[in-house]
Amino acid sequence: MDTQNLNLHHSFQSNEAKSKLQNKNQLSSEEIQSFQKQPQSSRITQETENRFISYSNTSIYLNNKYLESFDKNSKQAVSSKMLIADYECLFYKKYMIERVVKESKQCKVVLCQEIGTNQKKIAKVYEGRMMNFEDIVPEIQTNCKLSNFPHRNIITLIDLFIEPDLIALVFEYQAGGTLYEFLVQKKFQLTDSEVKIIMKQILKGLRHLQKMEIIHRDIKLDNIMFTEFNNIKSLKIIDFGCAAFINDSRVKSIKCGTFGYIAPEILNDQYYDYSSDIYSVGGIFHILLTGTRIYPQFLEQQQIKYLNSKNAYKLNKSITCPLILDLLNSMLSQQSSRPKANSCLKHEYFLKSDLSITNQLKKMQFPKLRNPFRK
């Protein structure tokens, strides 16, 4: 898969910012946050051996292929091509909003068009001076790392805007809708082949996240999408708003997830790792197989939370295949017993179809047909 360039649109509005940029390559999250001020009237241009840097009272446009930015201390490396733009909201200058897909107190997700190309994108937008920059940093960190190491089953960050009153993350548009919408369309009845295709892609995406040392922490039907309509082989894992790096104890200390999918160890304030995402995928696996959840939907949220914390899940009695039961129970088992994504992919359940076809052909007895041309 070709690596896509990530465009970073960054506004530094003070002489202090310019001074810091002249003296070092990186800025801490606190410094970046402090630079979200009203513009001042000065401009400095500096040329170095490996980079061209422009400082402006307005905005800096950074097109950076490898964003070493936003490391564990959320520092920003300045490199590559920069273009100066007049001070205005760069996000709204580049994109036109079509509609709001969903909205919360913290942010809104919008469908937008790139002005000039009319290409559809999806953007997650945080606006207002009351937004907590530190809470958004982990999401920026994980998306930037994943944009540098793209995977076909993980959504790609294309544009990143950090401005005085706005932070926007722009992603490739997923025209095929969510996994939940696909299941509704199919009336929650999938073939064994469809279940395998979907599960393999989710697990391959998780395997990549583990290589990147990232825990998603909110795997669910709504956070799985398809790039193309009616093409289940175009699956993407989306929304890294709850994601955390495996060694980031500060972010991991904040509970995140959805009842019915969230791993019990997170609810119980215990240590957790990549296996927590495997538990969530186990919950999705059960829905794909049966159309039902592992915790009854008719219960109140607090009841589901209690059962979830005790790992008191209940499998649908319609599941009788020993291979499916073995894989499903292992994914929903206690944390220490849960397999990694790669081990799940090597489970016999995913190999069964190919083997069974071969065996069926070997066992098949073709009738002896009479040659019509022989008397």
Protein backbone atom coordinates (compact mmCIF):
# COMPACT_ATOMS: atom_id res chain seq x y z
CA MET A 1 0.00 0.00 0.00
CA ASP A 2 1.36 3.40 -0.94
CA THR A 3 2.19 5.75 1.89
CA GLN A 4 0.10 8.91 1.77
CA ASN A 5 1.48 12.30 2.65
CA LEU A 6 0.00 13.83 5.78
CA ASN A 7 -0.67 17.54 5.55
CA LEU A 8 -0.22 19.41 8.82
CA HIS A 9 -1.73 22.88 8.96
CA HIS A 10 -0.29 24.59 12.00
CA SER A 11 -0.79 28.13 13.30
CA PHE A 12 1.95 29.71 15.44
CA GLN A 13 0.92 33.22 16.38
CA SER A 14 3.57 34.75 18.60
CA ASN A 15 7.17 35.99 18.55
CA GLU A 16 7.77 33.54 21.41
CA ALA A 17 6.81 30.69 19.10
CA LYS A 18 9.15 31.96 16.41
CA SER A 19 12.00 32.21 18.89
CA LYS A 20 11.45 28.67 20.12
CA LEU A 21 11.31 27.37 16.56
CA GLN A 22 14.59 29.12 15.76
CA ASN A 23 16.32 27.59 18.77
CA LYS A 24 15.01 24.02 18.64
CA ASN A 25 13.16 21.65 16.38
CA GLN A 26 10.44 20.55 18.76
CA LEU A 27 7.67 22.11 20.79
CA SER A 28 5.93 20.59 23.77
CA SER A 29 2.16 20.31 23.93
CA GLU A 30 2.08 23.08 26.55
CA GLU A 31 3.99 25.41 24.22
CA ILE A 32 1.78 24.61 21.25
CA GLN A 33 -1.29 25.29 23.35
CA SER A 34 0.11 28.63 24.53
CA PHE A 35 0.67 29.72 20.93
CA GLN A 36 -3.03 29.58 20.14
CA LYS A 37 -3.34 33.36 20.52
CA GLN A 38 -4.46 36.32 18.44
CA PRO A 39 -2.09 37.01 15.51
CA GLN A 40 0.71 39.57 15.76
CA SER A 41 2.21 41.62 12.95
CA SER A 42 5.62 40.24 12.04
CA ARG A 43 7.12 37.70 9.71
CA ILE A 44 10.44 35.87 9.73
CA THR A 45 11.77 33.56 7.05
CA GLN A 46 14.69 31.26 7.71
CA GLU A 47 16.44 28.82 5.40
CA THR A 48 18.47 25.90 6.77
CA GLU A 49 20.46 23.10 5.18
CA ASN A 50 17.67 20.52 5.09
CA ARG A 51 14.52 22.52 5.50
CA PHE A 52 12.73 25.72 4.62
CA ILE A 53 10.96 27.28 7.58
CA SER A 54 8.55 30.22 7.41
CA TYR A 55 7.28 32.01 10.51
CA SER A 56 4.29 34.27 10.17
CA ASN A 57 1.81 36.26 12.18
CA THR A 58 -0.73 34.23 10.29
CA SER A 59 -0.41 30.51 9.74
CA ILE A 60 2.11 27.90 8.72
CA TYR A 61 1.17 25.13 6.30
CA LEU A 62 3.35 22.05 6.78
CA ASN A 63 3.26 19.19 4.30
CA ASN A 64 5.25 16.52 6.10
CA LYS A 65 5.56 12.97 4.81
CA TYR A 66 6.96 11.54 8.02
CA LEU A 67 5.49 13.24 11.03
CA GLU A 68 7.80 12.60 13.95
CA SER A 69 5.59 15.16 15.62
CA PHE A 70 3.50 14.35 18.64
CA ASP A 71 5.76 11.78 20.26
CA LYS A 72 5.05 10.63 23.81
CA ASN A 73 5.62 14.21 24.98
CA SER A 74 3.52 15.49 22.07
CA LYS A 75 6.43 17.40 20.56
CA GLN A 76 6.30 18.76 17.04
CA ALA A 77 9.16 18.28 14.61
CA VAL A 78 9.34 21.01 11.98
CA SER A 79 10.46 19.84 8.55
CA SER A 80 9.64 19.61 4.85
CA LYS A 81 7.62 22.13 2.79
CA MET A 82 5.81 25.06 4.42
CA LEU A 83 3.55 27.63 2.81
CA ILE A 84 2.34 30.85 4.39
CA ALA A 85 -1.39 31.64 4.33
CA ASP A 86 -3.35 34.69 5.46
CA TYR A 87 -4.78 34.31 8.94
CA GLU A 88 -8.15 32.66 8.78
CA CYS A 89 -9.35 29.21 9.67
CA LEU A 90 -7.38 27.02 7.29
CA PHE A 91 -9.72 24.09 7.73
CA TYR A 92 -12.77 26.01 6.49
CA LYS A 93 -10.65 27.52 3.74
CA LYS A 94 -9.79 24.08 2.39
CA TYR A 95 -13.00 22.16 3.15
CA MET A 96 -16.71 22.85 2.75
CA ILE A 97 -19.01 21.14 5.26
CA GLU A 98 -21.83 19.10 3.73
CA ARG A 99 -23.45 17.85 6.92
CA VAL A 100 -22.80 16.91 10.53
CA VAL A 101 -22.67 13.12 10.88
CA LYS A 102 -22.67 13.10 14.68
CA GLU A 103 -21.96 15.55 17.46
CA SER A 104 -20.94 15.41 21.11
CA LYS A 105 -19.98 17.97 23.75
CA GLN A 106 -16.32 17.60 22.81
CA CYS A 107 -16.40 17.49 19.02
CA LYS A 108 -18.36 16.89 15.85
CA VAL A 109 -17.81 14.51 12.95
CA VAL A 110 -18.62 16.09 9.59
CA LEU A 111 -18.84 15.02 5.98
CA CYS A 112 -16.99 17.59 3.91
CA GLN A 113 -15.76 18.31 0.39
CA GLU A 114 -12.29 19.47 -0.50
CA ILE A 115 -12.68 22.80 -2.27
CA GLY A 116 -11.30 22.61 -5.79
CA THR A 117 -11.37 18.82 -6.12
CA ASN A 118 -14.87 18.09 -4.70
CA GLN A 119 -13.44 14.95 -3.11
CA LYS A 120 -15.40 13.79 -0.09
CA LYS A 121 -13.61 13.47 3.25
CA ILE A 122 -14.67 12.83 6.82
CA ALA A 123 -13.40 15.18 9.53
CA LYS A 124 -13.37 15.15 13.31
CA VAL A 125 -13.46 18.75 14.50
CA TYR A 126 -12.75 20.18 17.95
CA GLU A 127 -13.66 23.85 18.23
CA GLY A 128 -13.64 26.59 20.84
CA ARG A 129 -11.16 27.95 23.33
CA MET A 130 -12.57 25.70 26.04
CA MET A 131 -11.29 22.52 24.37
CA ASN A 132 -8.69 20.65 26.39
CA PHE A 133 -5.68 20.25 24.14
CA GLU A 134 -4.05 17.63 26.38
CA ASP A 135 -7.06 15.34 25.98
CA ILE A 136 -6.73 15.47 22.19
CA VAL A 137 -2.96 14.87 22.05
CA PRO A 138 -3.13 11.03 22.33
CA GLU A 139 -5.59 10.89 19.43
CA ILE A 140 -3.26 13.04 17.34
CA GLN A 141 -0.27 10.92 18.36
CA THR A 142 -1.80 7.61 17.35
CA ASN A 143 -3.27 8.89 14.08
CA CYS A 144 0.02 10.48 13.07
CA LYS A 145 1.93 7.28 13.72
CA LEU A 146 -0.62 5.24 11.79
CA SER A 147 -0.49 7.68 8.87
CA ASN A 148 3.23 7.04 8.65
CA PHE A 149 2.72 3.26 8.79
CA PRO A 150 -0.56 2.78 6.89
CA HIS A 151 -2.50 -0.46 6.79
CA ARG A 152 -5.32 -1.40 4.45
CA ASN A 153 -7.66 -2.17 7.37
CA ILE A 154 -7.06 1.04 9.33
CA ILE A 155 -8.38 4.47 8.40
CA THR A 156 -5.74 6.96 7.21
CA LEU A 157 -5.32 10.50 8.52
CA ILE A 158 -4.87 12.83 5.54
CA ASP A 159 -4.97 16.35 6.98
CA LEU A 160 -4.30 17.71 10.46
CA PHE A 161 -5.21 21.28 11.43
CA ILE A 162 -4.04 22.87 14.69
CA GLU A 163 -5.28 26.44 14.93
CA PRO A 164 -6.12 28.95 17.69
CA ASP A 165 -9.75 27.87 18.06
CA LEU A 166 -9.83 24.63 16.14
CA ILE A 167 -8.23 21.22 15.85
CA ALA A 168 -9.40 19.09 12.93
CA LEU A 169 -8.40 15.60 11.83
CA VAL A 170 -9.38 14.80 8.25
CA PHE A 171 -9.67 11.20 7.05
CA GLU A 172 -10.41 9.31 3.85
CA TYR A 173 -14.15 9.00 3.23
CA GLN A 174 -15.78 5.63 3.94
CA ALA A 175 -18.65 5.38 1.46
CA GLY A 176 -19.74 1.88 2.53
CA GLY A 177 -21.07 2.86 5.96
CA THR A 178 -20.55 1.14 9.30
CA LEU A 179 -20.53 -2.55 10.12
CA TYR A 180 -23.73 -1.99 12.09
CA GLU A 181 -25.45 -0.51 9.02
CA PHE A 182 -24.23 -3.44 6.93
CA LEU A 183 -25.70 -5.91 9.44
CA VAL A 184 -29.04 -4.08 9.43
CA GLN A 185 -29.05 -4.24 5.63
CA LYS A 186 -28.37 -8.00 5.84
CA LYS A 187 -30.96 -8.40 8.62
CA PHE A 188 -28.15 -9.68 10.87
CA GLN A 189 -27.86 -12.85 8.83
CA LEU A 190 -24.41 -13.48 7.38
CA THR A 191 -22.94 -16.50 5.68
CA ASP A 192 -19.97 -18.26 7.25
CA SER A 193 -17.81 -16.91 4.44
CA GLU A 194 -18.89 -13.30 5.14
CA VAL A 195 -18.17 -13.70 8.85
CA LYS A 196 -14.67 -15.00 8.09
CA ILE A 197 -13.89 -12.18 5.64
CA ILE A 198 -14.95 -9.52 8.15
CA MET A 199 -13.22 -11.13 11.13
CA LYS A 200 -9.95 -11.64 9.27
CA GLN A 201 -9.78 -7.96 8.33
CA ILE A 202 -10.52 -6.76 11.87
CA LEU A 203 -7.86 -9.09 13.30
CA LYS A 204 -5.31 -8.03 10.67
CA GLY A 205 -5.98 -4.41 11.62
CA LEU A 206 -5.50 -5.26 15.31
CA ARG A 207 -2.30 -7.13 14.52
CA HIS A 208 -0.96 -3.95 12.91
CA LEU A 209 -2.03 -1.84 15.89
CA GLN A 210 -0.10 -4.21 18.17
CA LYS A 211 3.00 -3.73 16.01
CA MET A 212 2.52 0.02 16.42
CA GLU A 213 2.13 -0.48 20.22
CA ILE A 214 -1.39 0.97 20.12
CA ILE A 215 -4.51 -0.18 21.98
CA HIS A 216 -7.73 1.03 20.31
CA ARG A 217 -9.92 0.63 23.45
CA ASP A 218 -13.26 1.19 21.68
CA ILE A 219 -13.68 -1.54 19.07
CA LYS A 220 -17.39 -1.86 18.27
CA LEU A 221 -19.77 -2.12 15.29
CA ASP A 222 -19.91 1.66 14.78
CA ASN A 223 -16.10 1.92 14.70
CA ILE A 224 -15.77 -0.52 11.83
CA MET A 225 -16.52 0.92 8.37
CA PHE A 226 -16.27 0.00 4.70
CA THR A 227 -14.59 2.16 2.08
CA GLU A 228 -16.86 0.86 -0.68
CA PHE A 229 -20.57 0.11 -0.62
CA ASN A 230 -21.37 -3.63 -0.71
CA ASN A 231 -17.68 -4.55 -0.61
CA ILE A 232 -16.94 -6.28 2.69
CA LYS A 233 -13.30 -6.63 1.69
CA SER A 234 -12.84 -2.84 2.08
CA LEU A 235 -13.09 -2.83 5.89
CA LYS A 236 -11.39 -0.18 8.04
CA ILE A 237 -11.04 0.27 11.80
CA ILE A 238 -11.84 3.91 12.60
CA ASP A 239 -12.00 6.43 15.50
CA PHE A 240 -8.87 6.51 17.63
CA GLY A 241 -10.35 8.97 20.12
CA CYS A 242 -9.91 6.46 22.95
CA ALA A 243 -6.64 4.98 21.70
CA ALA A 244 -3.53 4.77 23.86
CA PHE A 245 0.06 3.68 23.45
CA ILE A 246 0.77 0.54 25.44
CA ASN A 247 3.20 2.31 27.81
CA ASP A 248 1.21 5.52 28.27
CA SER A 249 0.04 5.00 31.85
CA ARG A 250 -1.57 8.46 32.08
CA VAL A 251 -3.94 7.88 29.17
CA LYS A 252 -4.56 4.24 30.13
CA SER A 253 -5.63 5.34 33.61
CA ILE A 254 -8.70 6.97 32.03
CA LYS A 255 -11.46 4.43 31.45
CA CYS A 256 -12.64 4.31 27.88
CA GLY A 257 -14.89 1.99 25.90
CA THR A 258 -18.49 0.87 25.40
CA PHE A 259 -20.38 -1.43 27.77
CA GLY A 260 -20.91 -4.81 26.18
CA TYR A 261 -17.64 -4.57 24.28
CA ILE A 262 -15.19 -3.26 26.88
CA ALA A 263 -12.85 -5.79 28.49
CA PRO A 264 -13.60 -6.57 32.19
CA GLU A 265 -10.07 -5.66 33.32
CA ILE A 266 -10.58 -2.06 32.16
CA LEU A 267 -13.84 -1.78 34.11
CA ASN A 268 -12.13 -3.26 37.17
CA ASP A 269 -9.18 -0.81 37.05
CA GLN A 270 -6.71 -3.63 36.47
CA TYR A 271 -3.67 -3.69 34.23
CA TYR A 272 -4.61 -4.21 30.59
CA ASP A 273 -2.91 -4.56 27.23
CA TYR A 274 -3.63 -5.46 23.60
CA SER A 275 -5.79 -8.39 24.71
CA SER A 276 -8.48 -5.90 25.73
CA ASP A 277 -9.14 -5.21 22.05
CA ILE A 278 -9.36 -8.96 21.41
CA TYR A 279 -12.20 -9.14 23.96
CA SER A 280 -14.08 -6.42 22.07
CA VAL A 281 -13.60 -8.26 18.79
CA GLY A 282 -14.95 -11.39 20.49
CA GLY A 283 -18.14 -9.45 21.19
CA ILE A 284 -18.34 -8.45 17.52
CA PHE A 285 -17.68 -12.06 16.45
CA HIS A 286 -20.72 -13.20 18.45
CA ILE A 287 -22.93 -10.55 16.80
CA LEU A 288 -21.73 -11.54 13.32
CA LEU A 289 -22.53 -15.19 14.05
CA THR A 290 -25.89 -14.80 15.78
CA GLY A 291 -27.15 -11.23 15.43
CA THR A 292 -27.18 -10.98 19.24
CA ARG A 293 -24.84 -9.48 21.84
CA ILE A 294 -22.99 -11.35 24.59
CA TYR A 295 -24.83 -9.19 27.15
CA PRO A 296 -28.62 -8.86 26.71
CA GLN A 297 -29.66 -5.58 25.11
CA PHE A 298 -32.87 -5.30 27.14
CA LEU A 299 -30.90 -4.75 30.38
CA GLU A 300 -30.18 -1.34 31.88
CA GLN A 301 -26.72 0.13 31.32
CA GLN A 302 -25.72 -0.45 34.95
CA GLN A 303 -26.78 -4.10 34.73
CA ILE A 304 -24.74 -4.58 31.57
CA LYS A 305 -21.80 -2.85 33.24
CA TYR A 306 -22.03 -5.20 36.24
CA LEU A 307 -22.20 -8.35 34.09
CA ASN A 308 -19.45 -6.99 31.86
CA SER A 309 -17.17 -6.38 34.86
CA LYS A 310 -17.74 -9.99 36.01
CA ASN A 311 -17.23 -11.31 32.47
CA ALA A 312 -20.60 -13.04 32.86
CA TYR A 313 -21.25 -13.21 29.13
CA LYS A 314 -23.79 -15.58 27.62
CA LEU A 315 -23.33 -17.27 24.26
CA ASN A 316 -26.26 -17.86 21.93
CA LYS A 317 -27.29 -21.52 21.92
CA SER A 318 -27.39 -21.52 18.13
CA ILE A 319 -23.58 -21.67 18.11
CA THR A 320 -22.76 -25.38 17.96
CA CYS A 321 -19.62 -25.57 15.81
CA PRO A 322 -16.73 -26.69 18.09
CA LEU A 323 -14.17 -24.59 16.19
CA ILE A 324 -16.26 -21.43 16.52
CA LEU A 325 -16.91 -22.06 20.21
CA ASP A 326 -13.21 -22.65 20.84
CA LEU A 327 -12.13 -19.40 19.17
CA LEU A 328 -14.98 -17.33 20.62
CA ASN A 329 -14.49 -18.55 24.19
CA SER A 330 -10.74 -17.95 23.98
CA MET A 331 -11.29 -14.35 22.83
CA LEU A 332 -13.72 -13.76 25.71
CA SER A 333 -11.66 -15.58 28.33
CA GLN A 334 -9.74 -14.03 31.21
CA GLN A 335 -7.05 -11.62 30.10
CA SER A 336 -4.09 -13.95 30.67
CA SER A 337 -5.67 -16.65 28.48
CA ARG A 338 -6.69 -14.48 25.55
CA PRO A 339 -4.83 -15.07 22.28
CA LYS A 340 -3.14 -12.29 20.32
CA ALA A 341 -4.53 -11.19 16.97
CA ASN A 342 -1.97 -13.21 15.04
CA SER A 343 -2.82 -16.37 17.00
CA CYS A 344 -6.52 -15.84 16.27
CA LEU A 345 -5.77 -15.58 12.56
CA LYS A 346 -3.96 -18.92 12.72
CA HIS A 347 -6.91 -20.63 14.41
CA GLU A 348 -8.29 -23.64 12.58
CA TYR A 349 -11.63 -21.87 12.17
CA PHE A 350 -10.10 -19.59 9.54
CA LEU A 351 -8.33 -22.47 7.81
CA LYS A 352 -11.32 -24.79 7.84
CA SER A 353 -13.00 -23.62 4.64
CA ASP A 354 -9.94 -24.16 2.45
CA LEU A 355 -9.23 -27.54 4.02
CA SER A 356 -12.83 -28.67 3.87
CA ILE A 357 -13.11 -27.89 0.17
CA THR A 358 -9.99 -29.95 -0.52
CA ASN A 359 -11.26 -32.83 1.60
CA GLN A 360 -14.68 -32.72 -0.02
CA LEU A 361 -13.13 -32.97 -3.47
CA LYS A 362 -11.02 -35.93 -2.35
CA LYS A 363 -14.02 -37.74 -0.89
CA MET A 364 -16.37 -36.91 -3.73
CA GLN A 365 -17.35 -39.95 -5.81
CA PHE A 366 -18.23 -39.05 -9.35
CA PRO A 367 -20.71 -41.36 -11.14
CA LYS A 368 -19.45 -43.44 -14.04
CA LEU A 369 -21.12 -41.90 -17.07
CA ARG A 370 -21.80 -43.89 -20.20
CA ASN A 371 -20.09 -42.61 -23.33
CA PRO A 372 -22.92 -41.67 -25.71
CA PHE A 373 -20.65 -42.18 -28.72
CA ARG A 374 -19.86 -45.81 -27.90
CA LYS A 375 -22.25 -48.59 -28.70
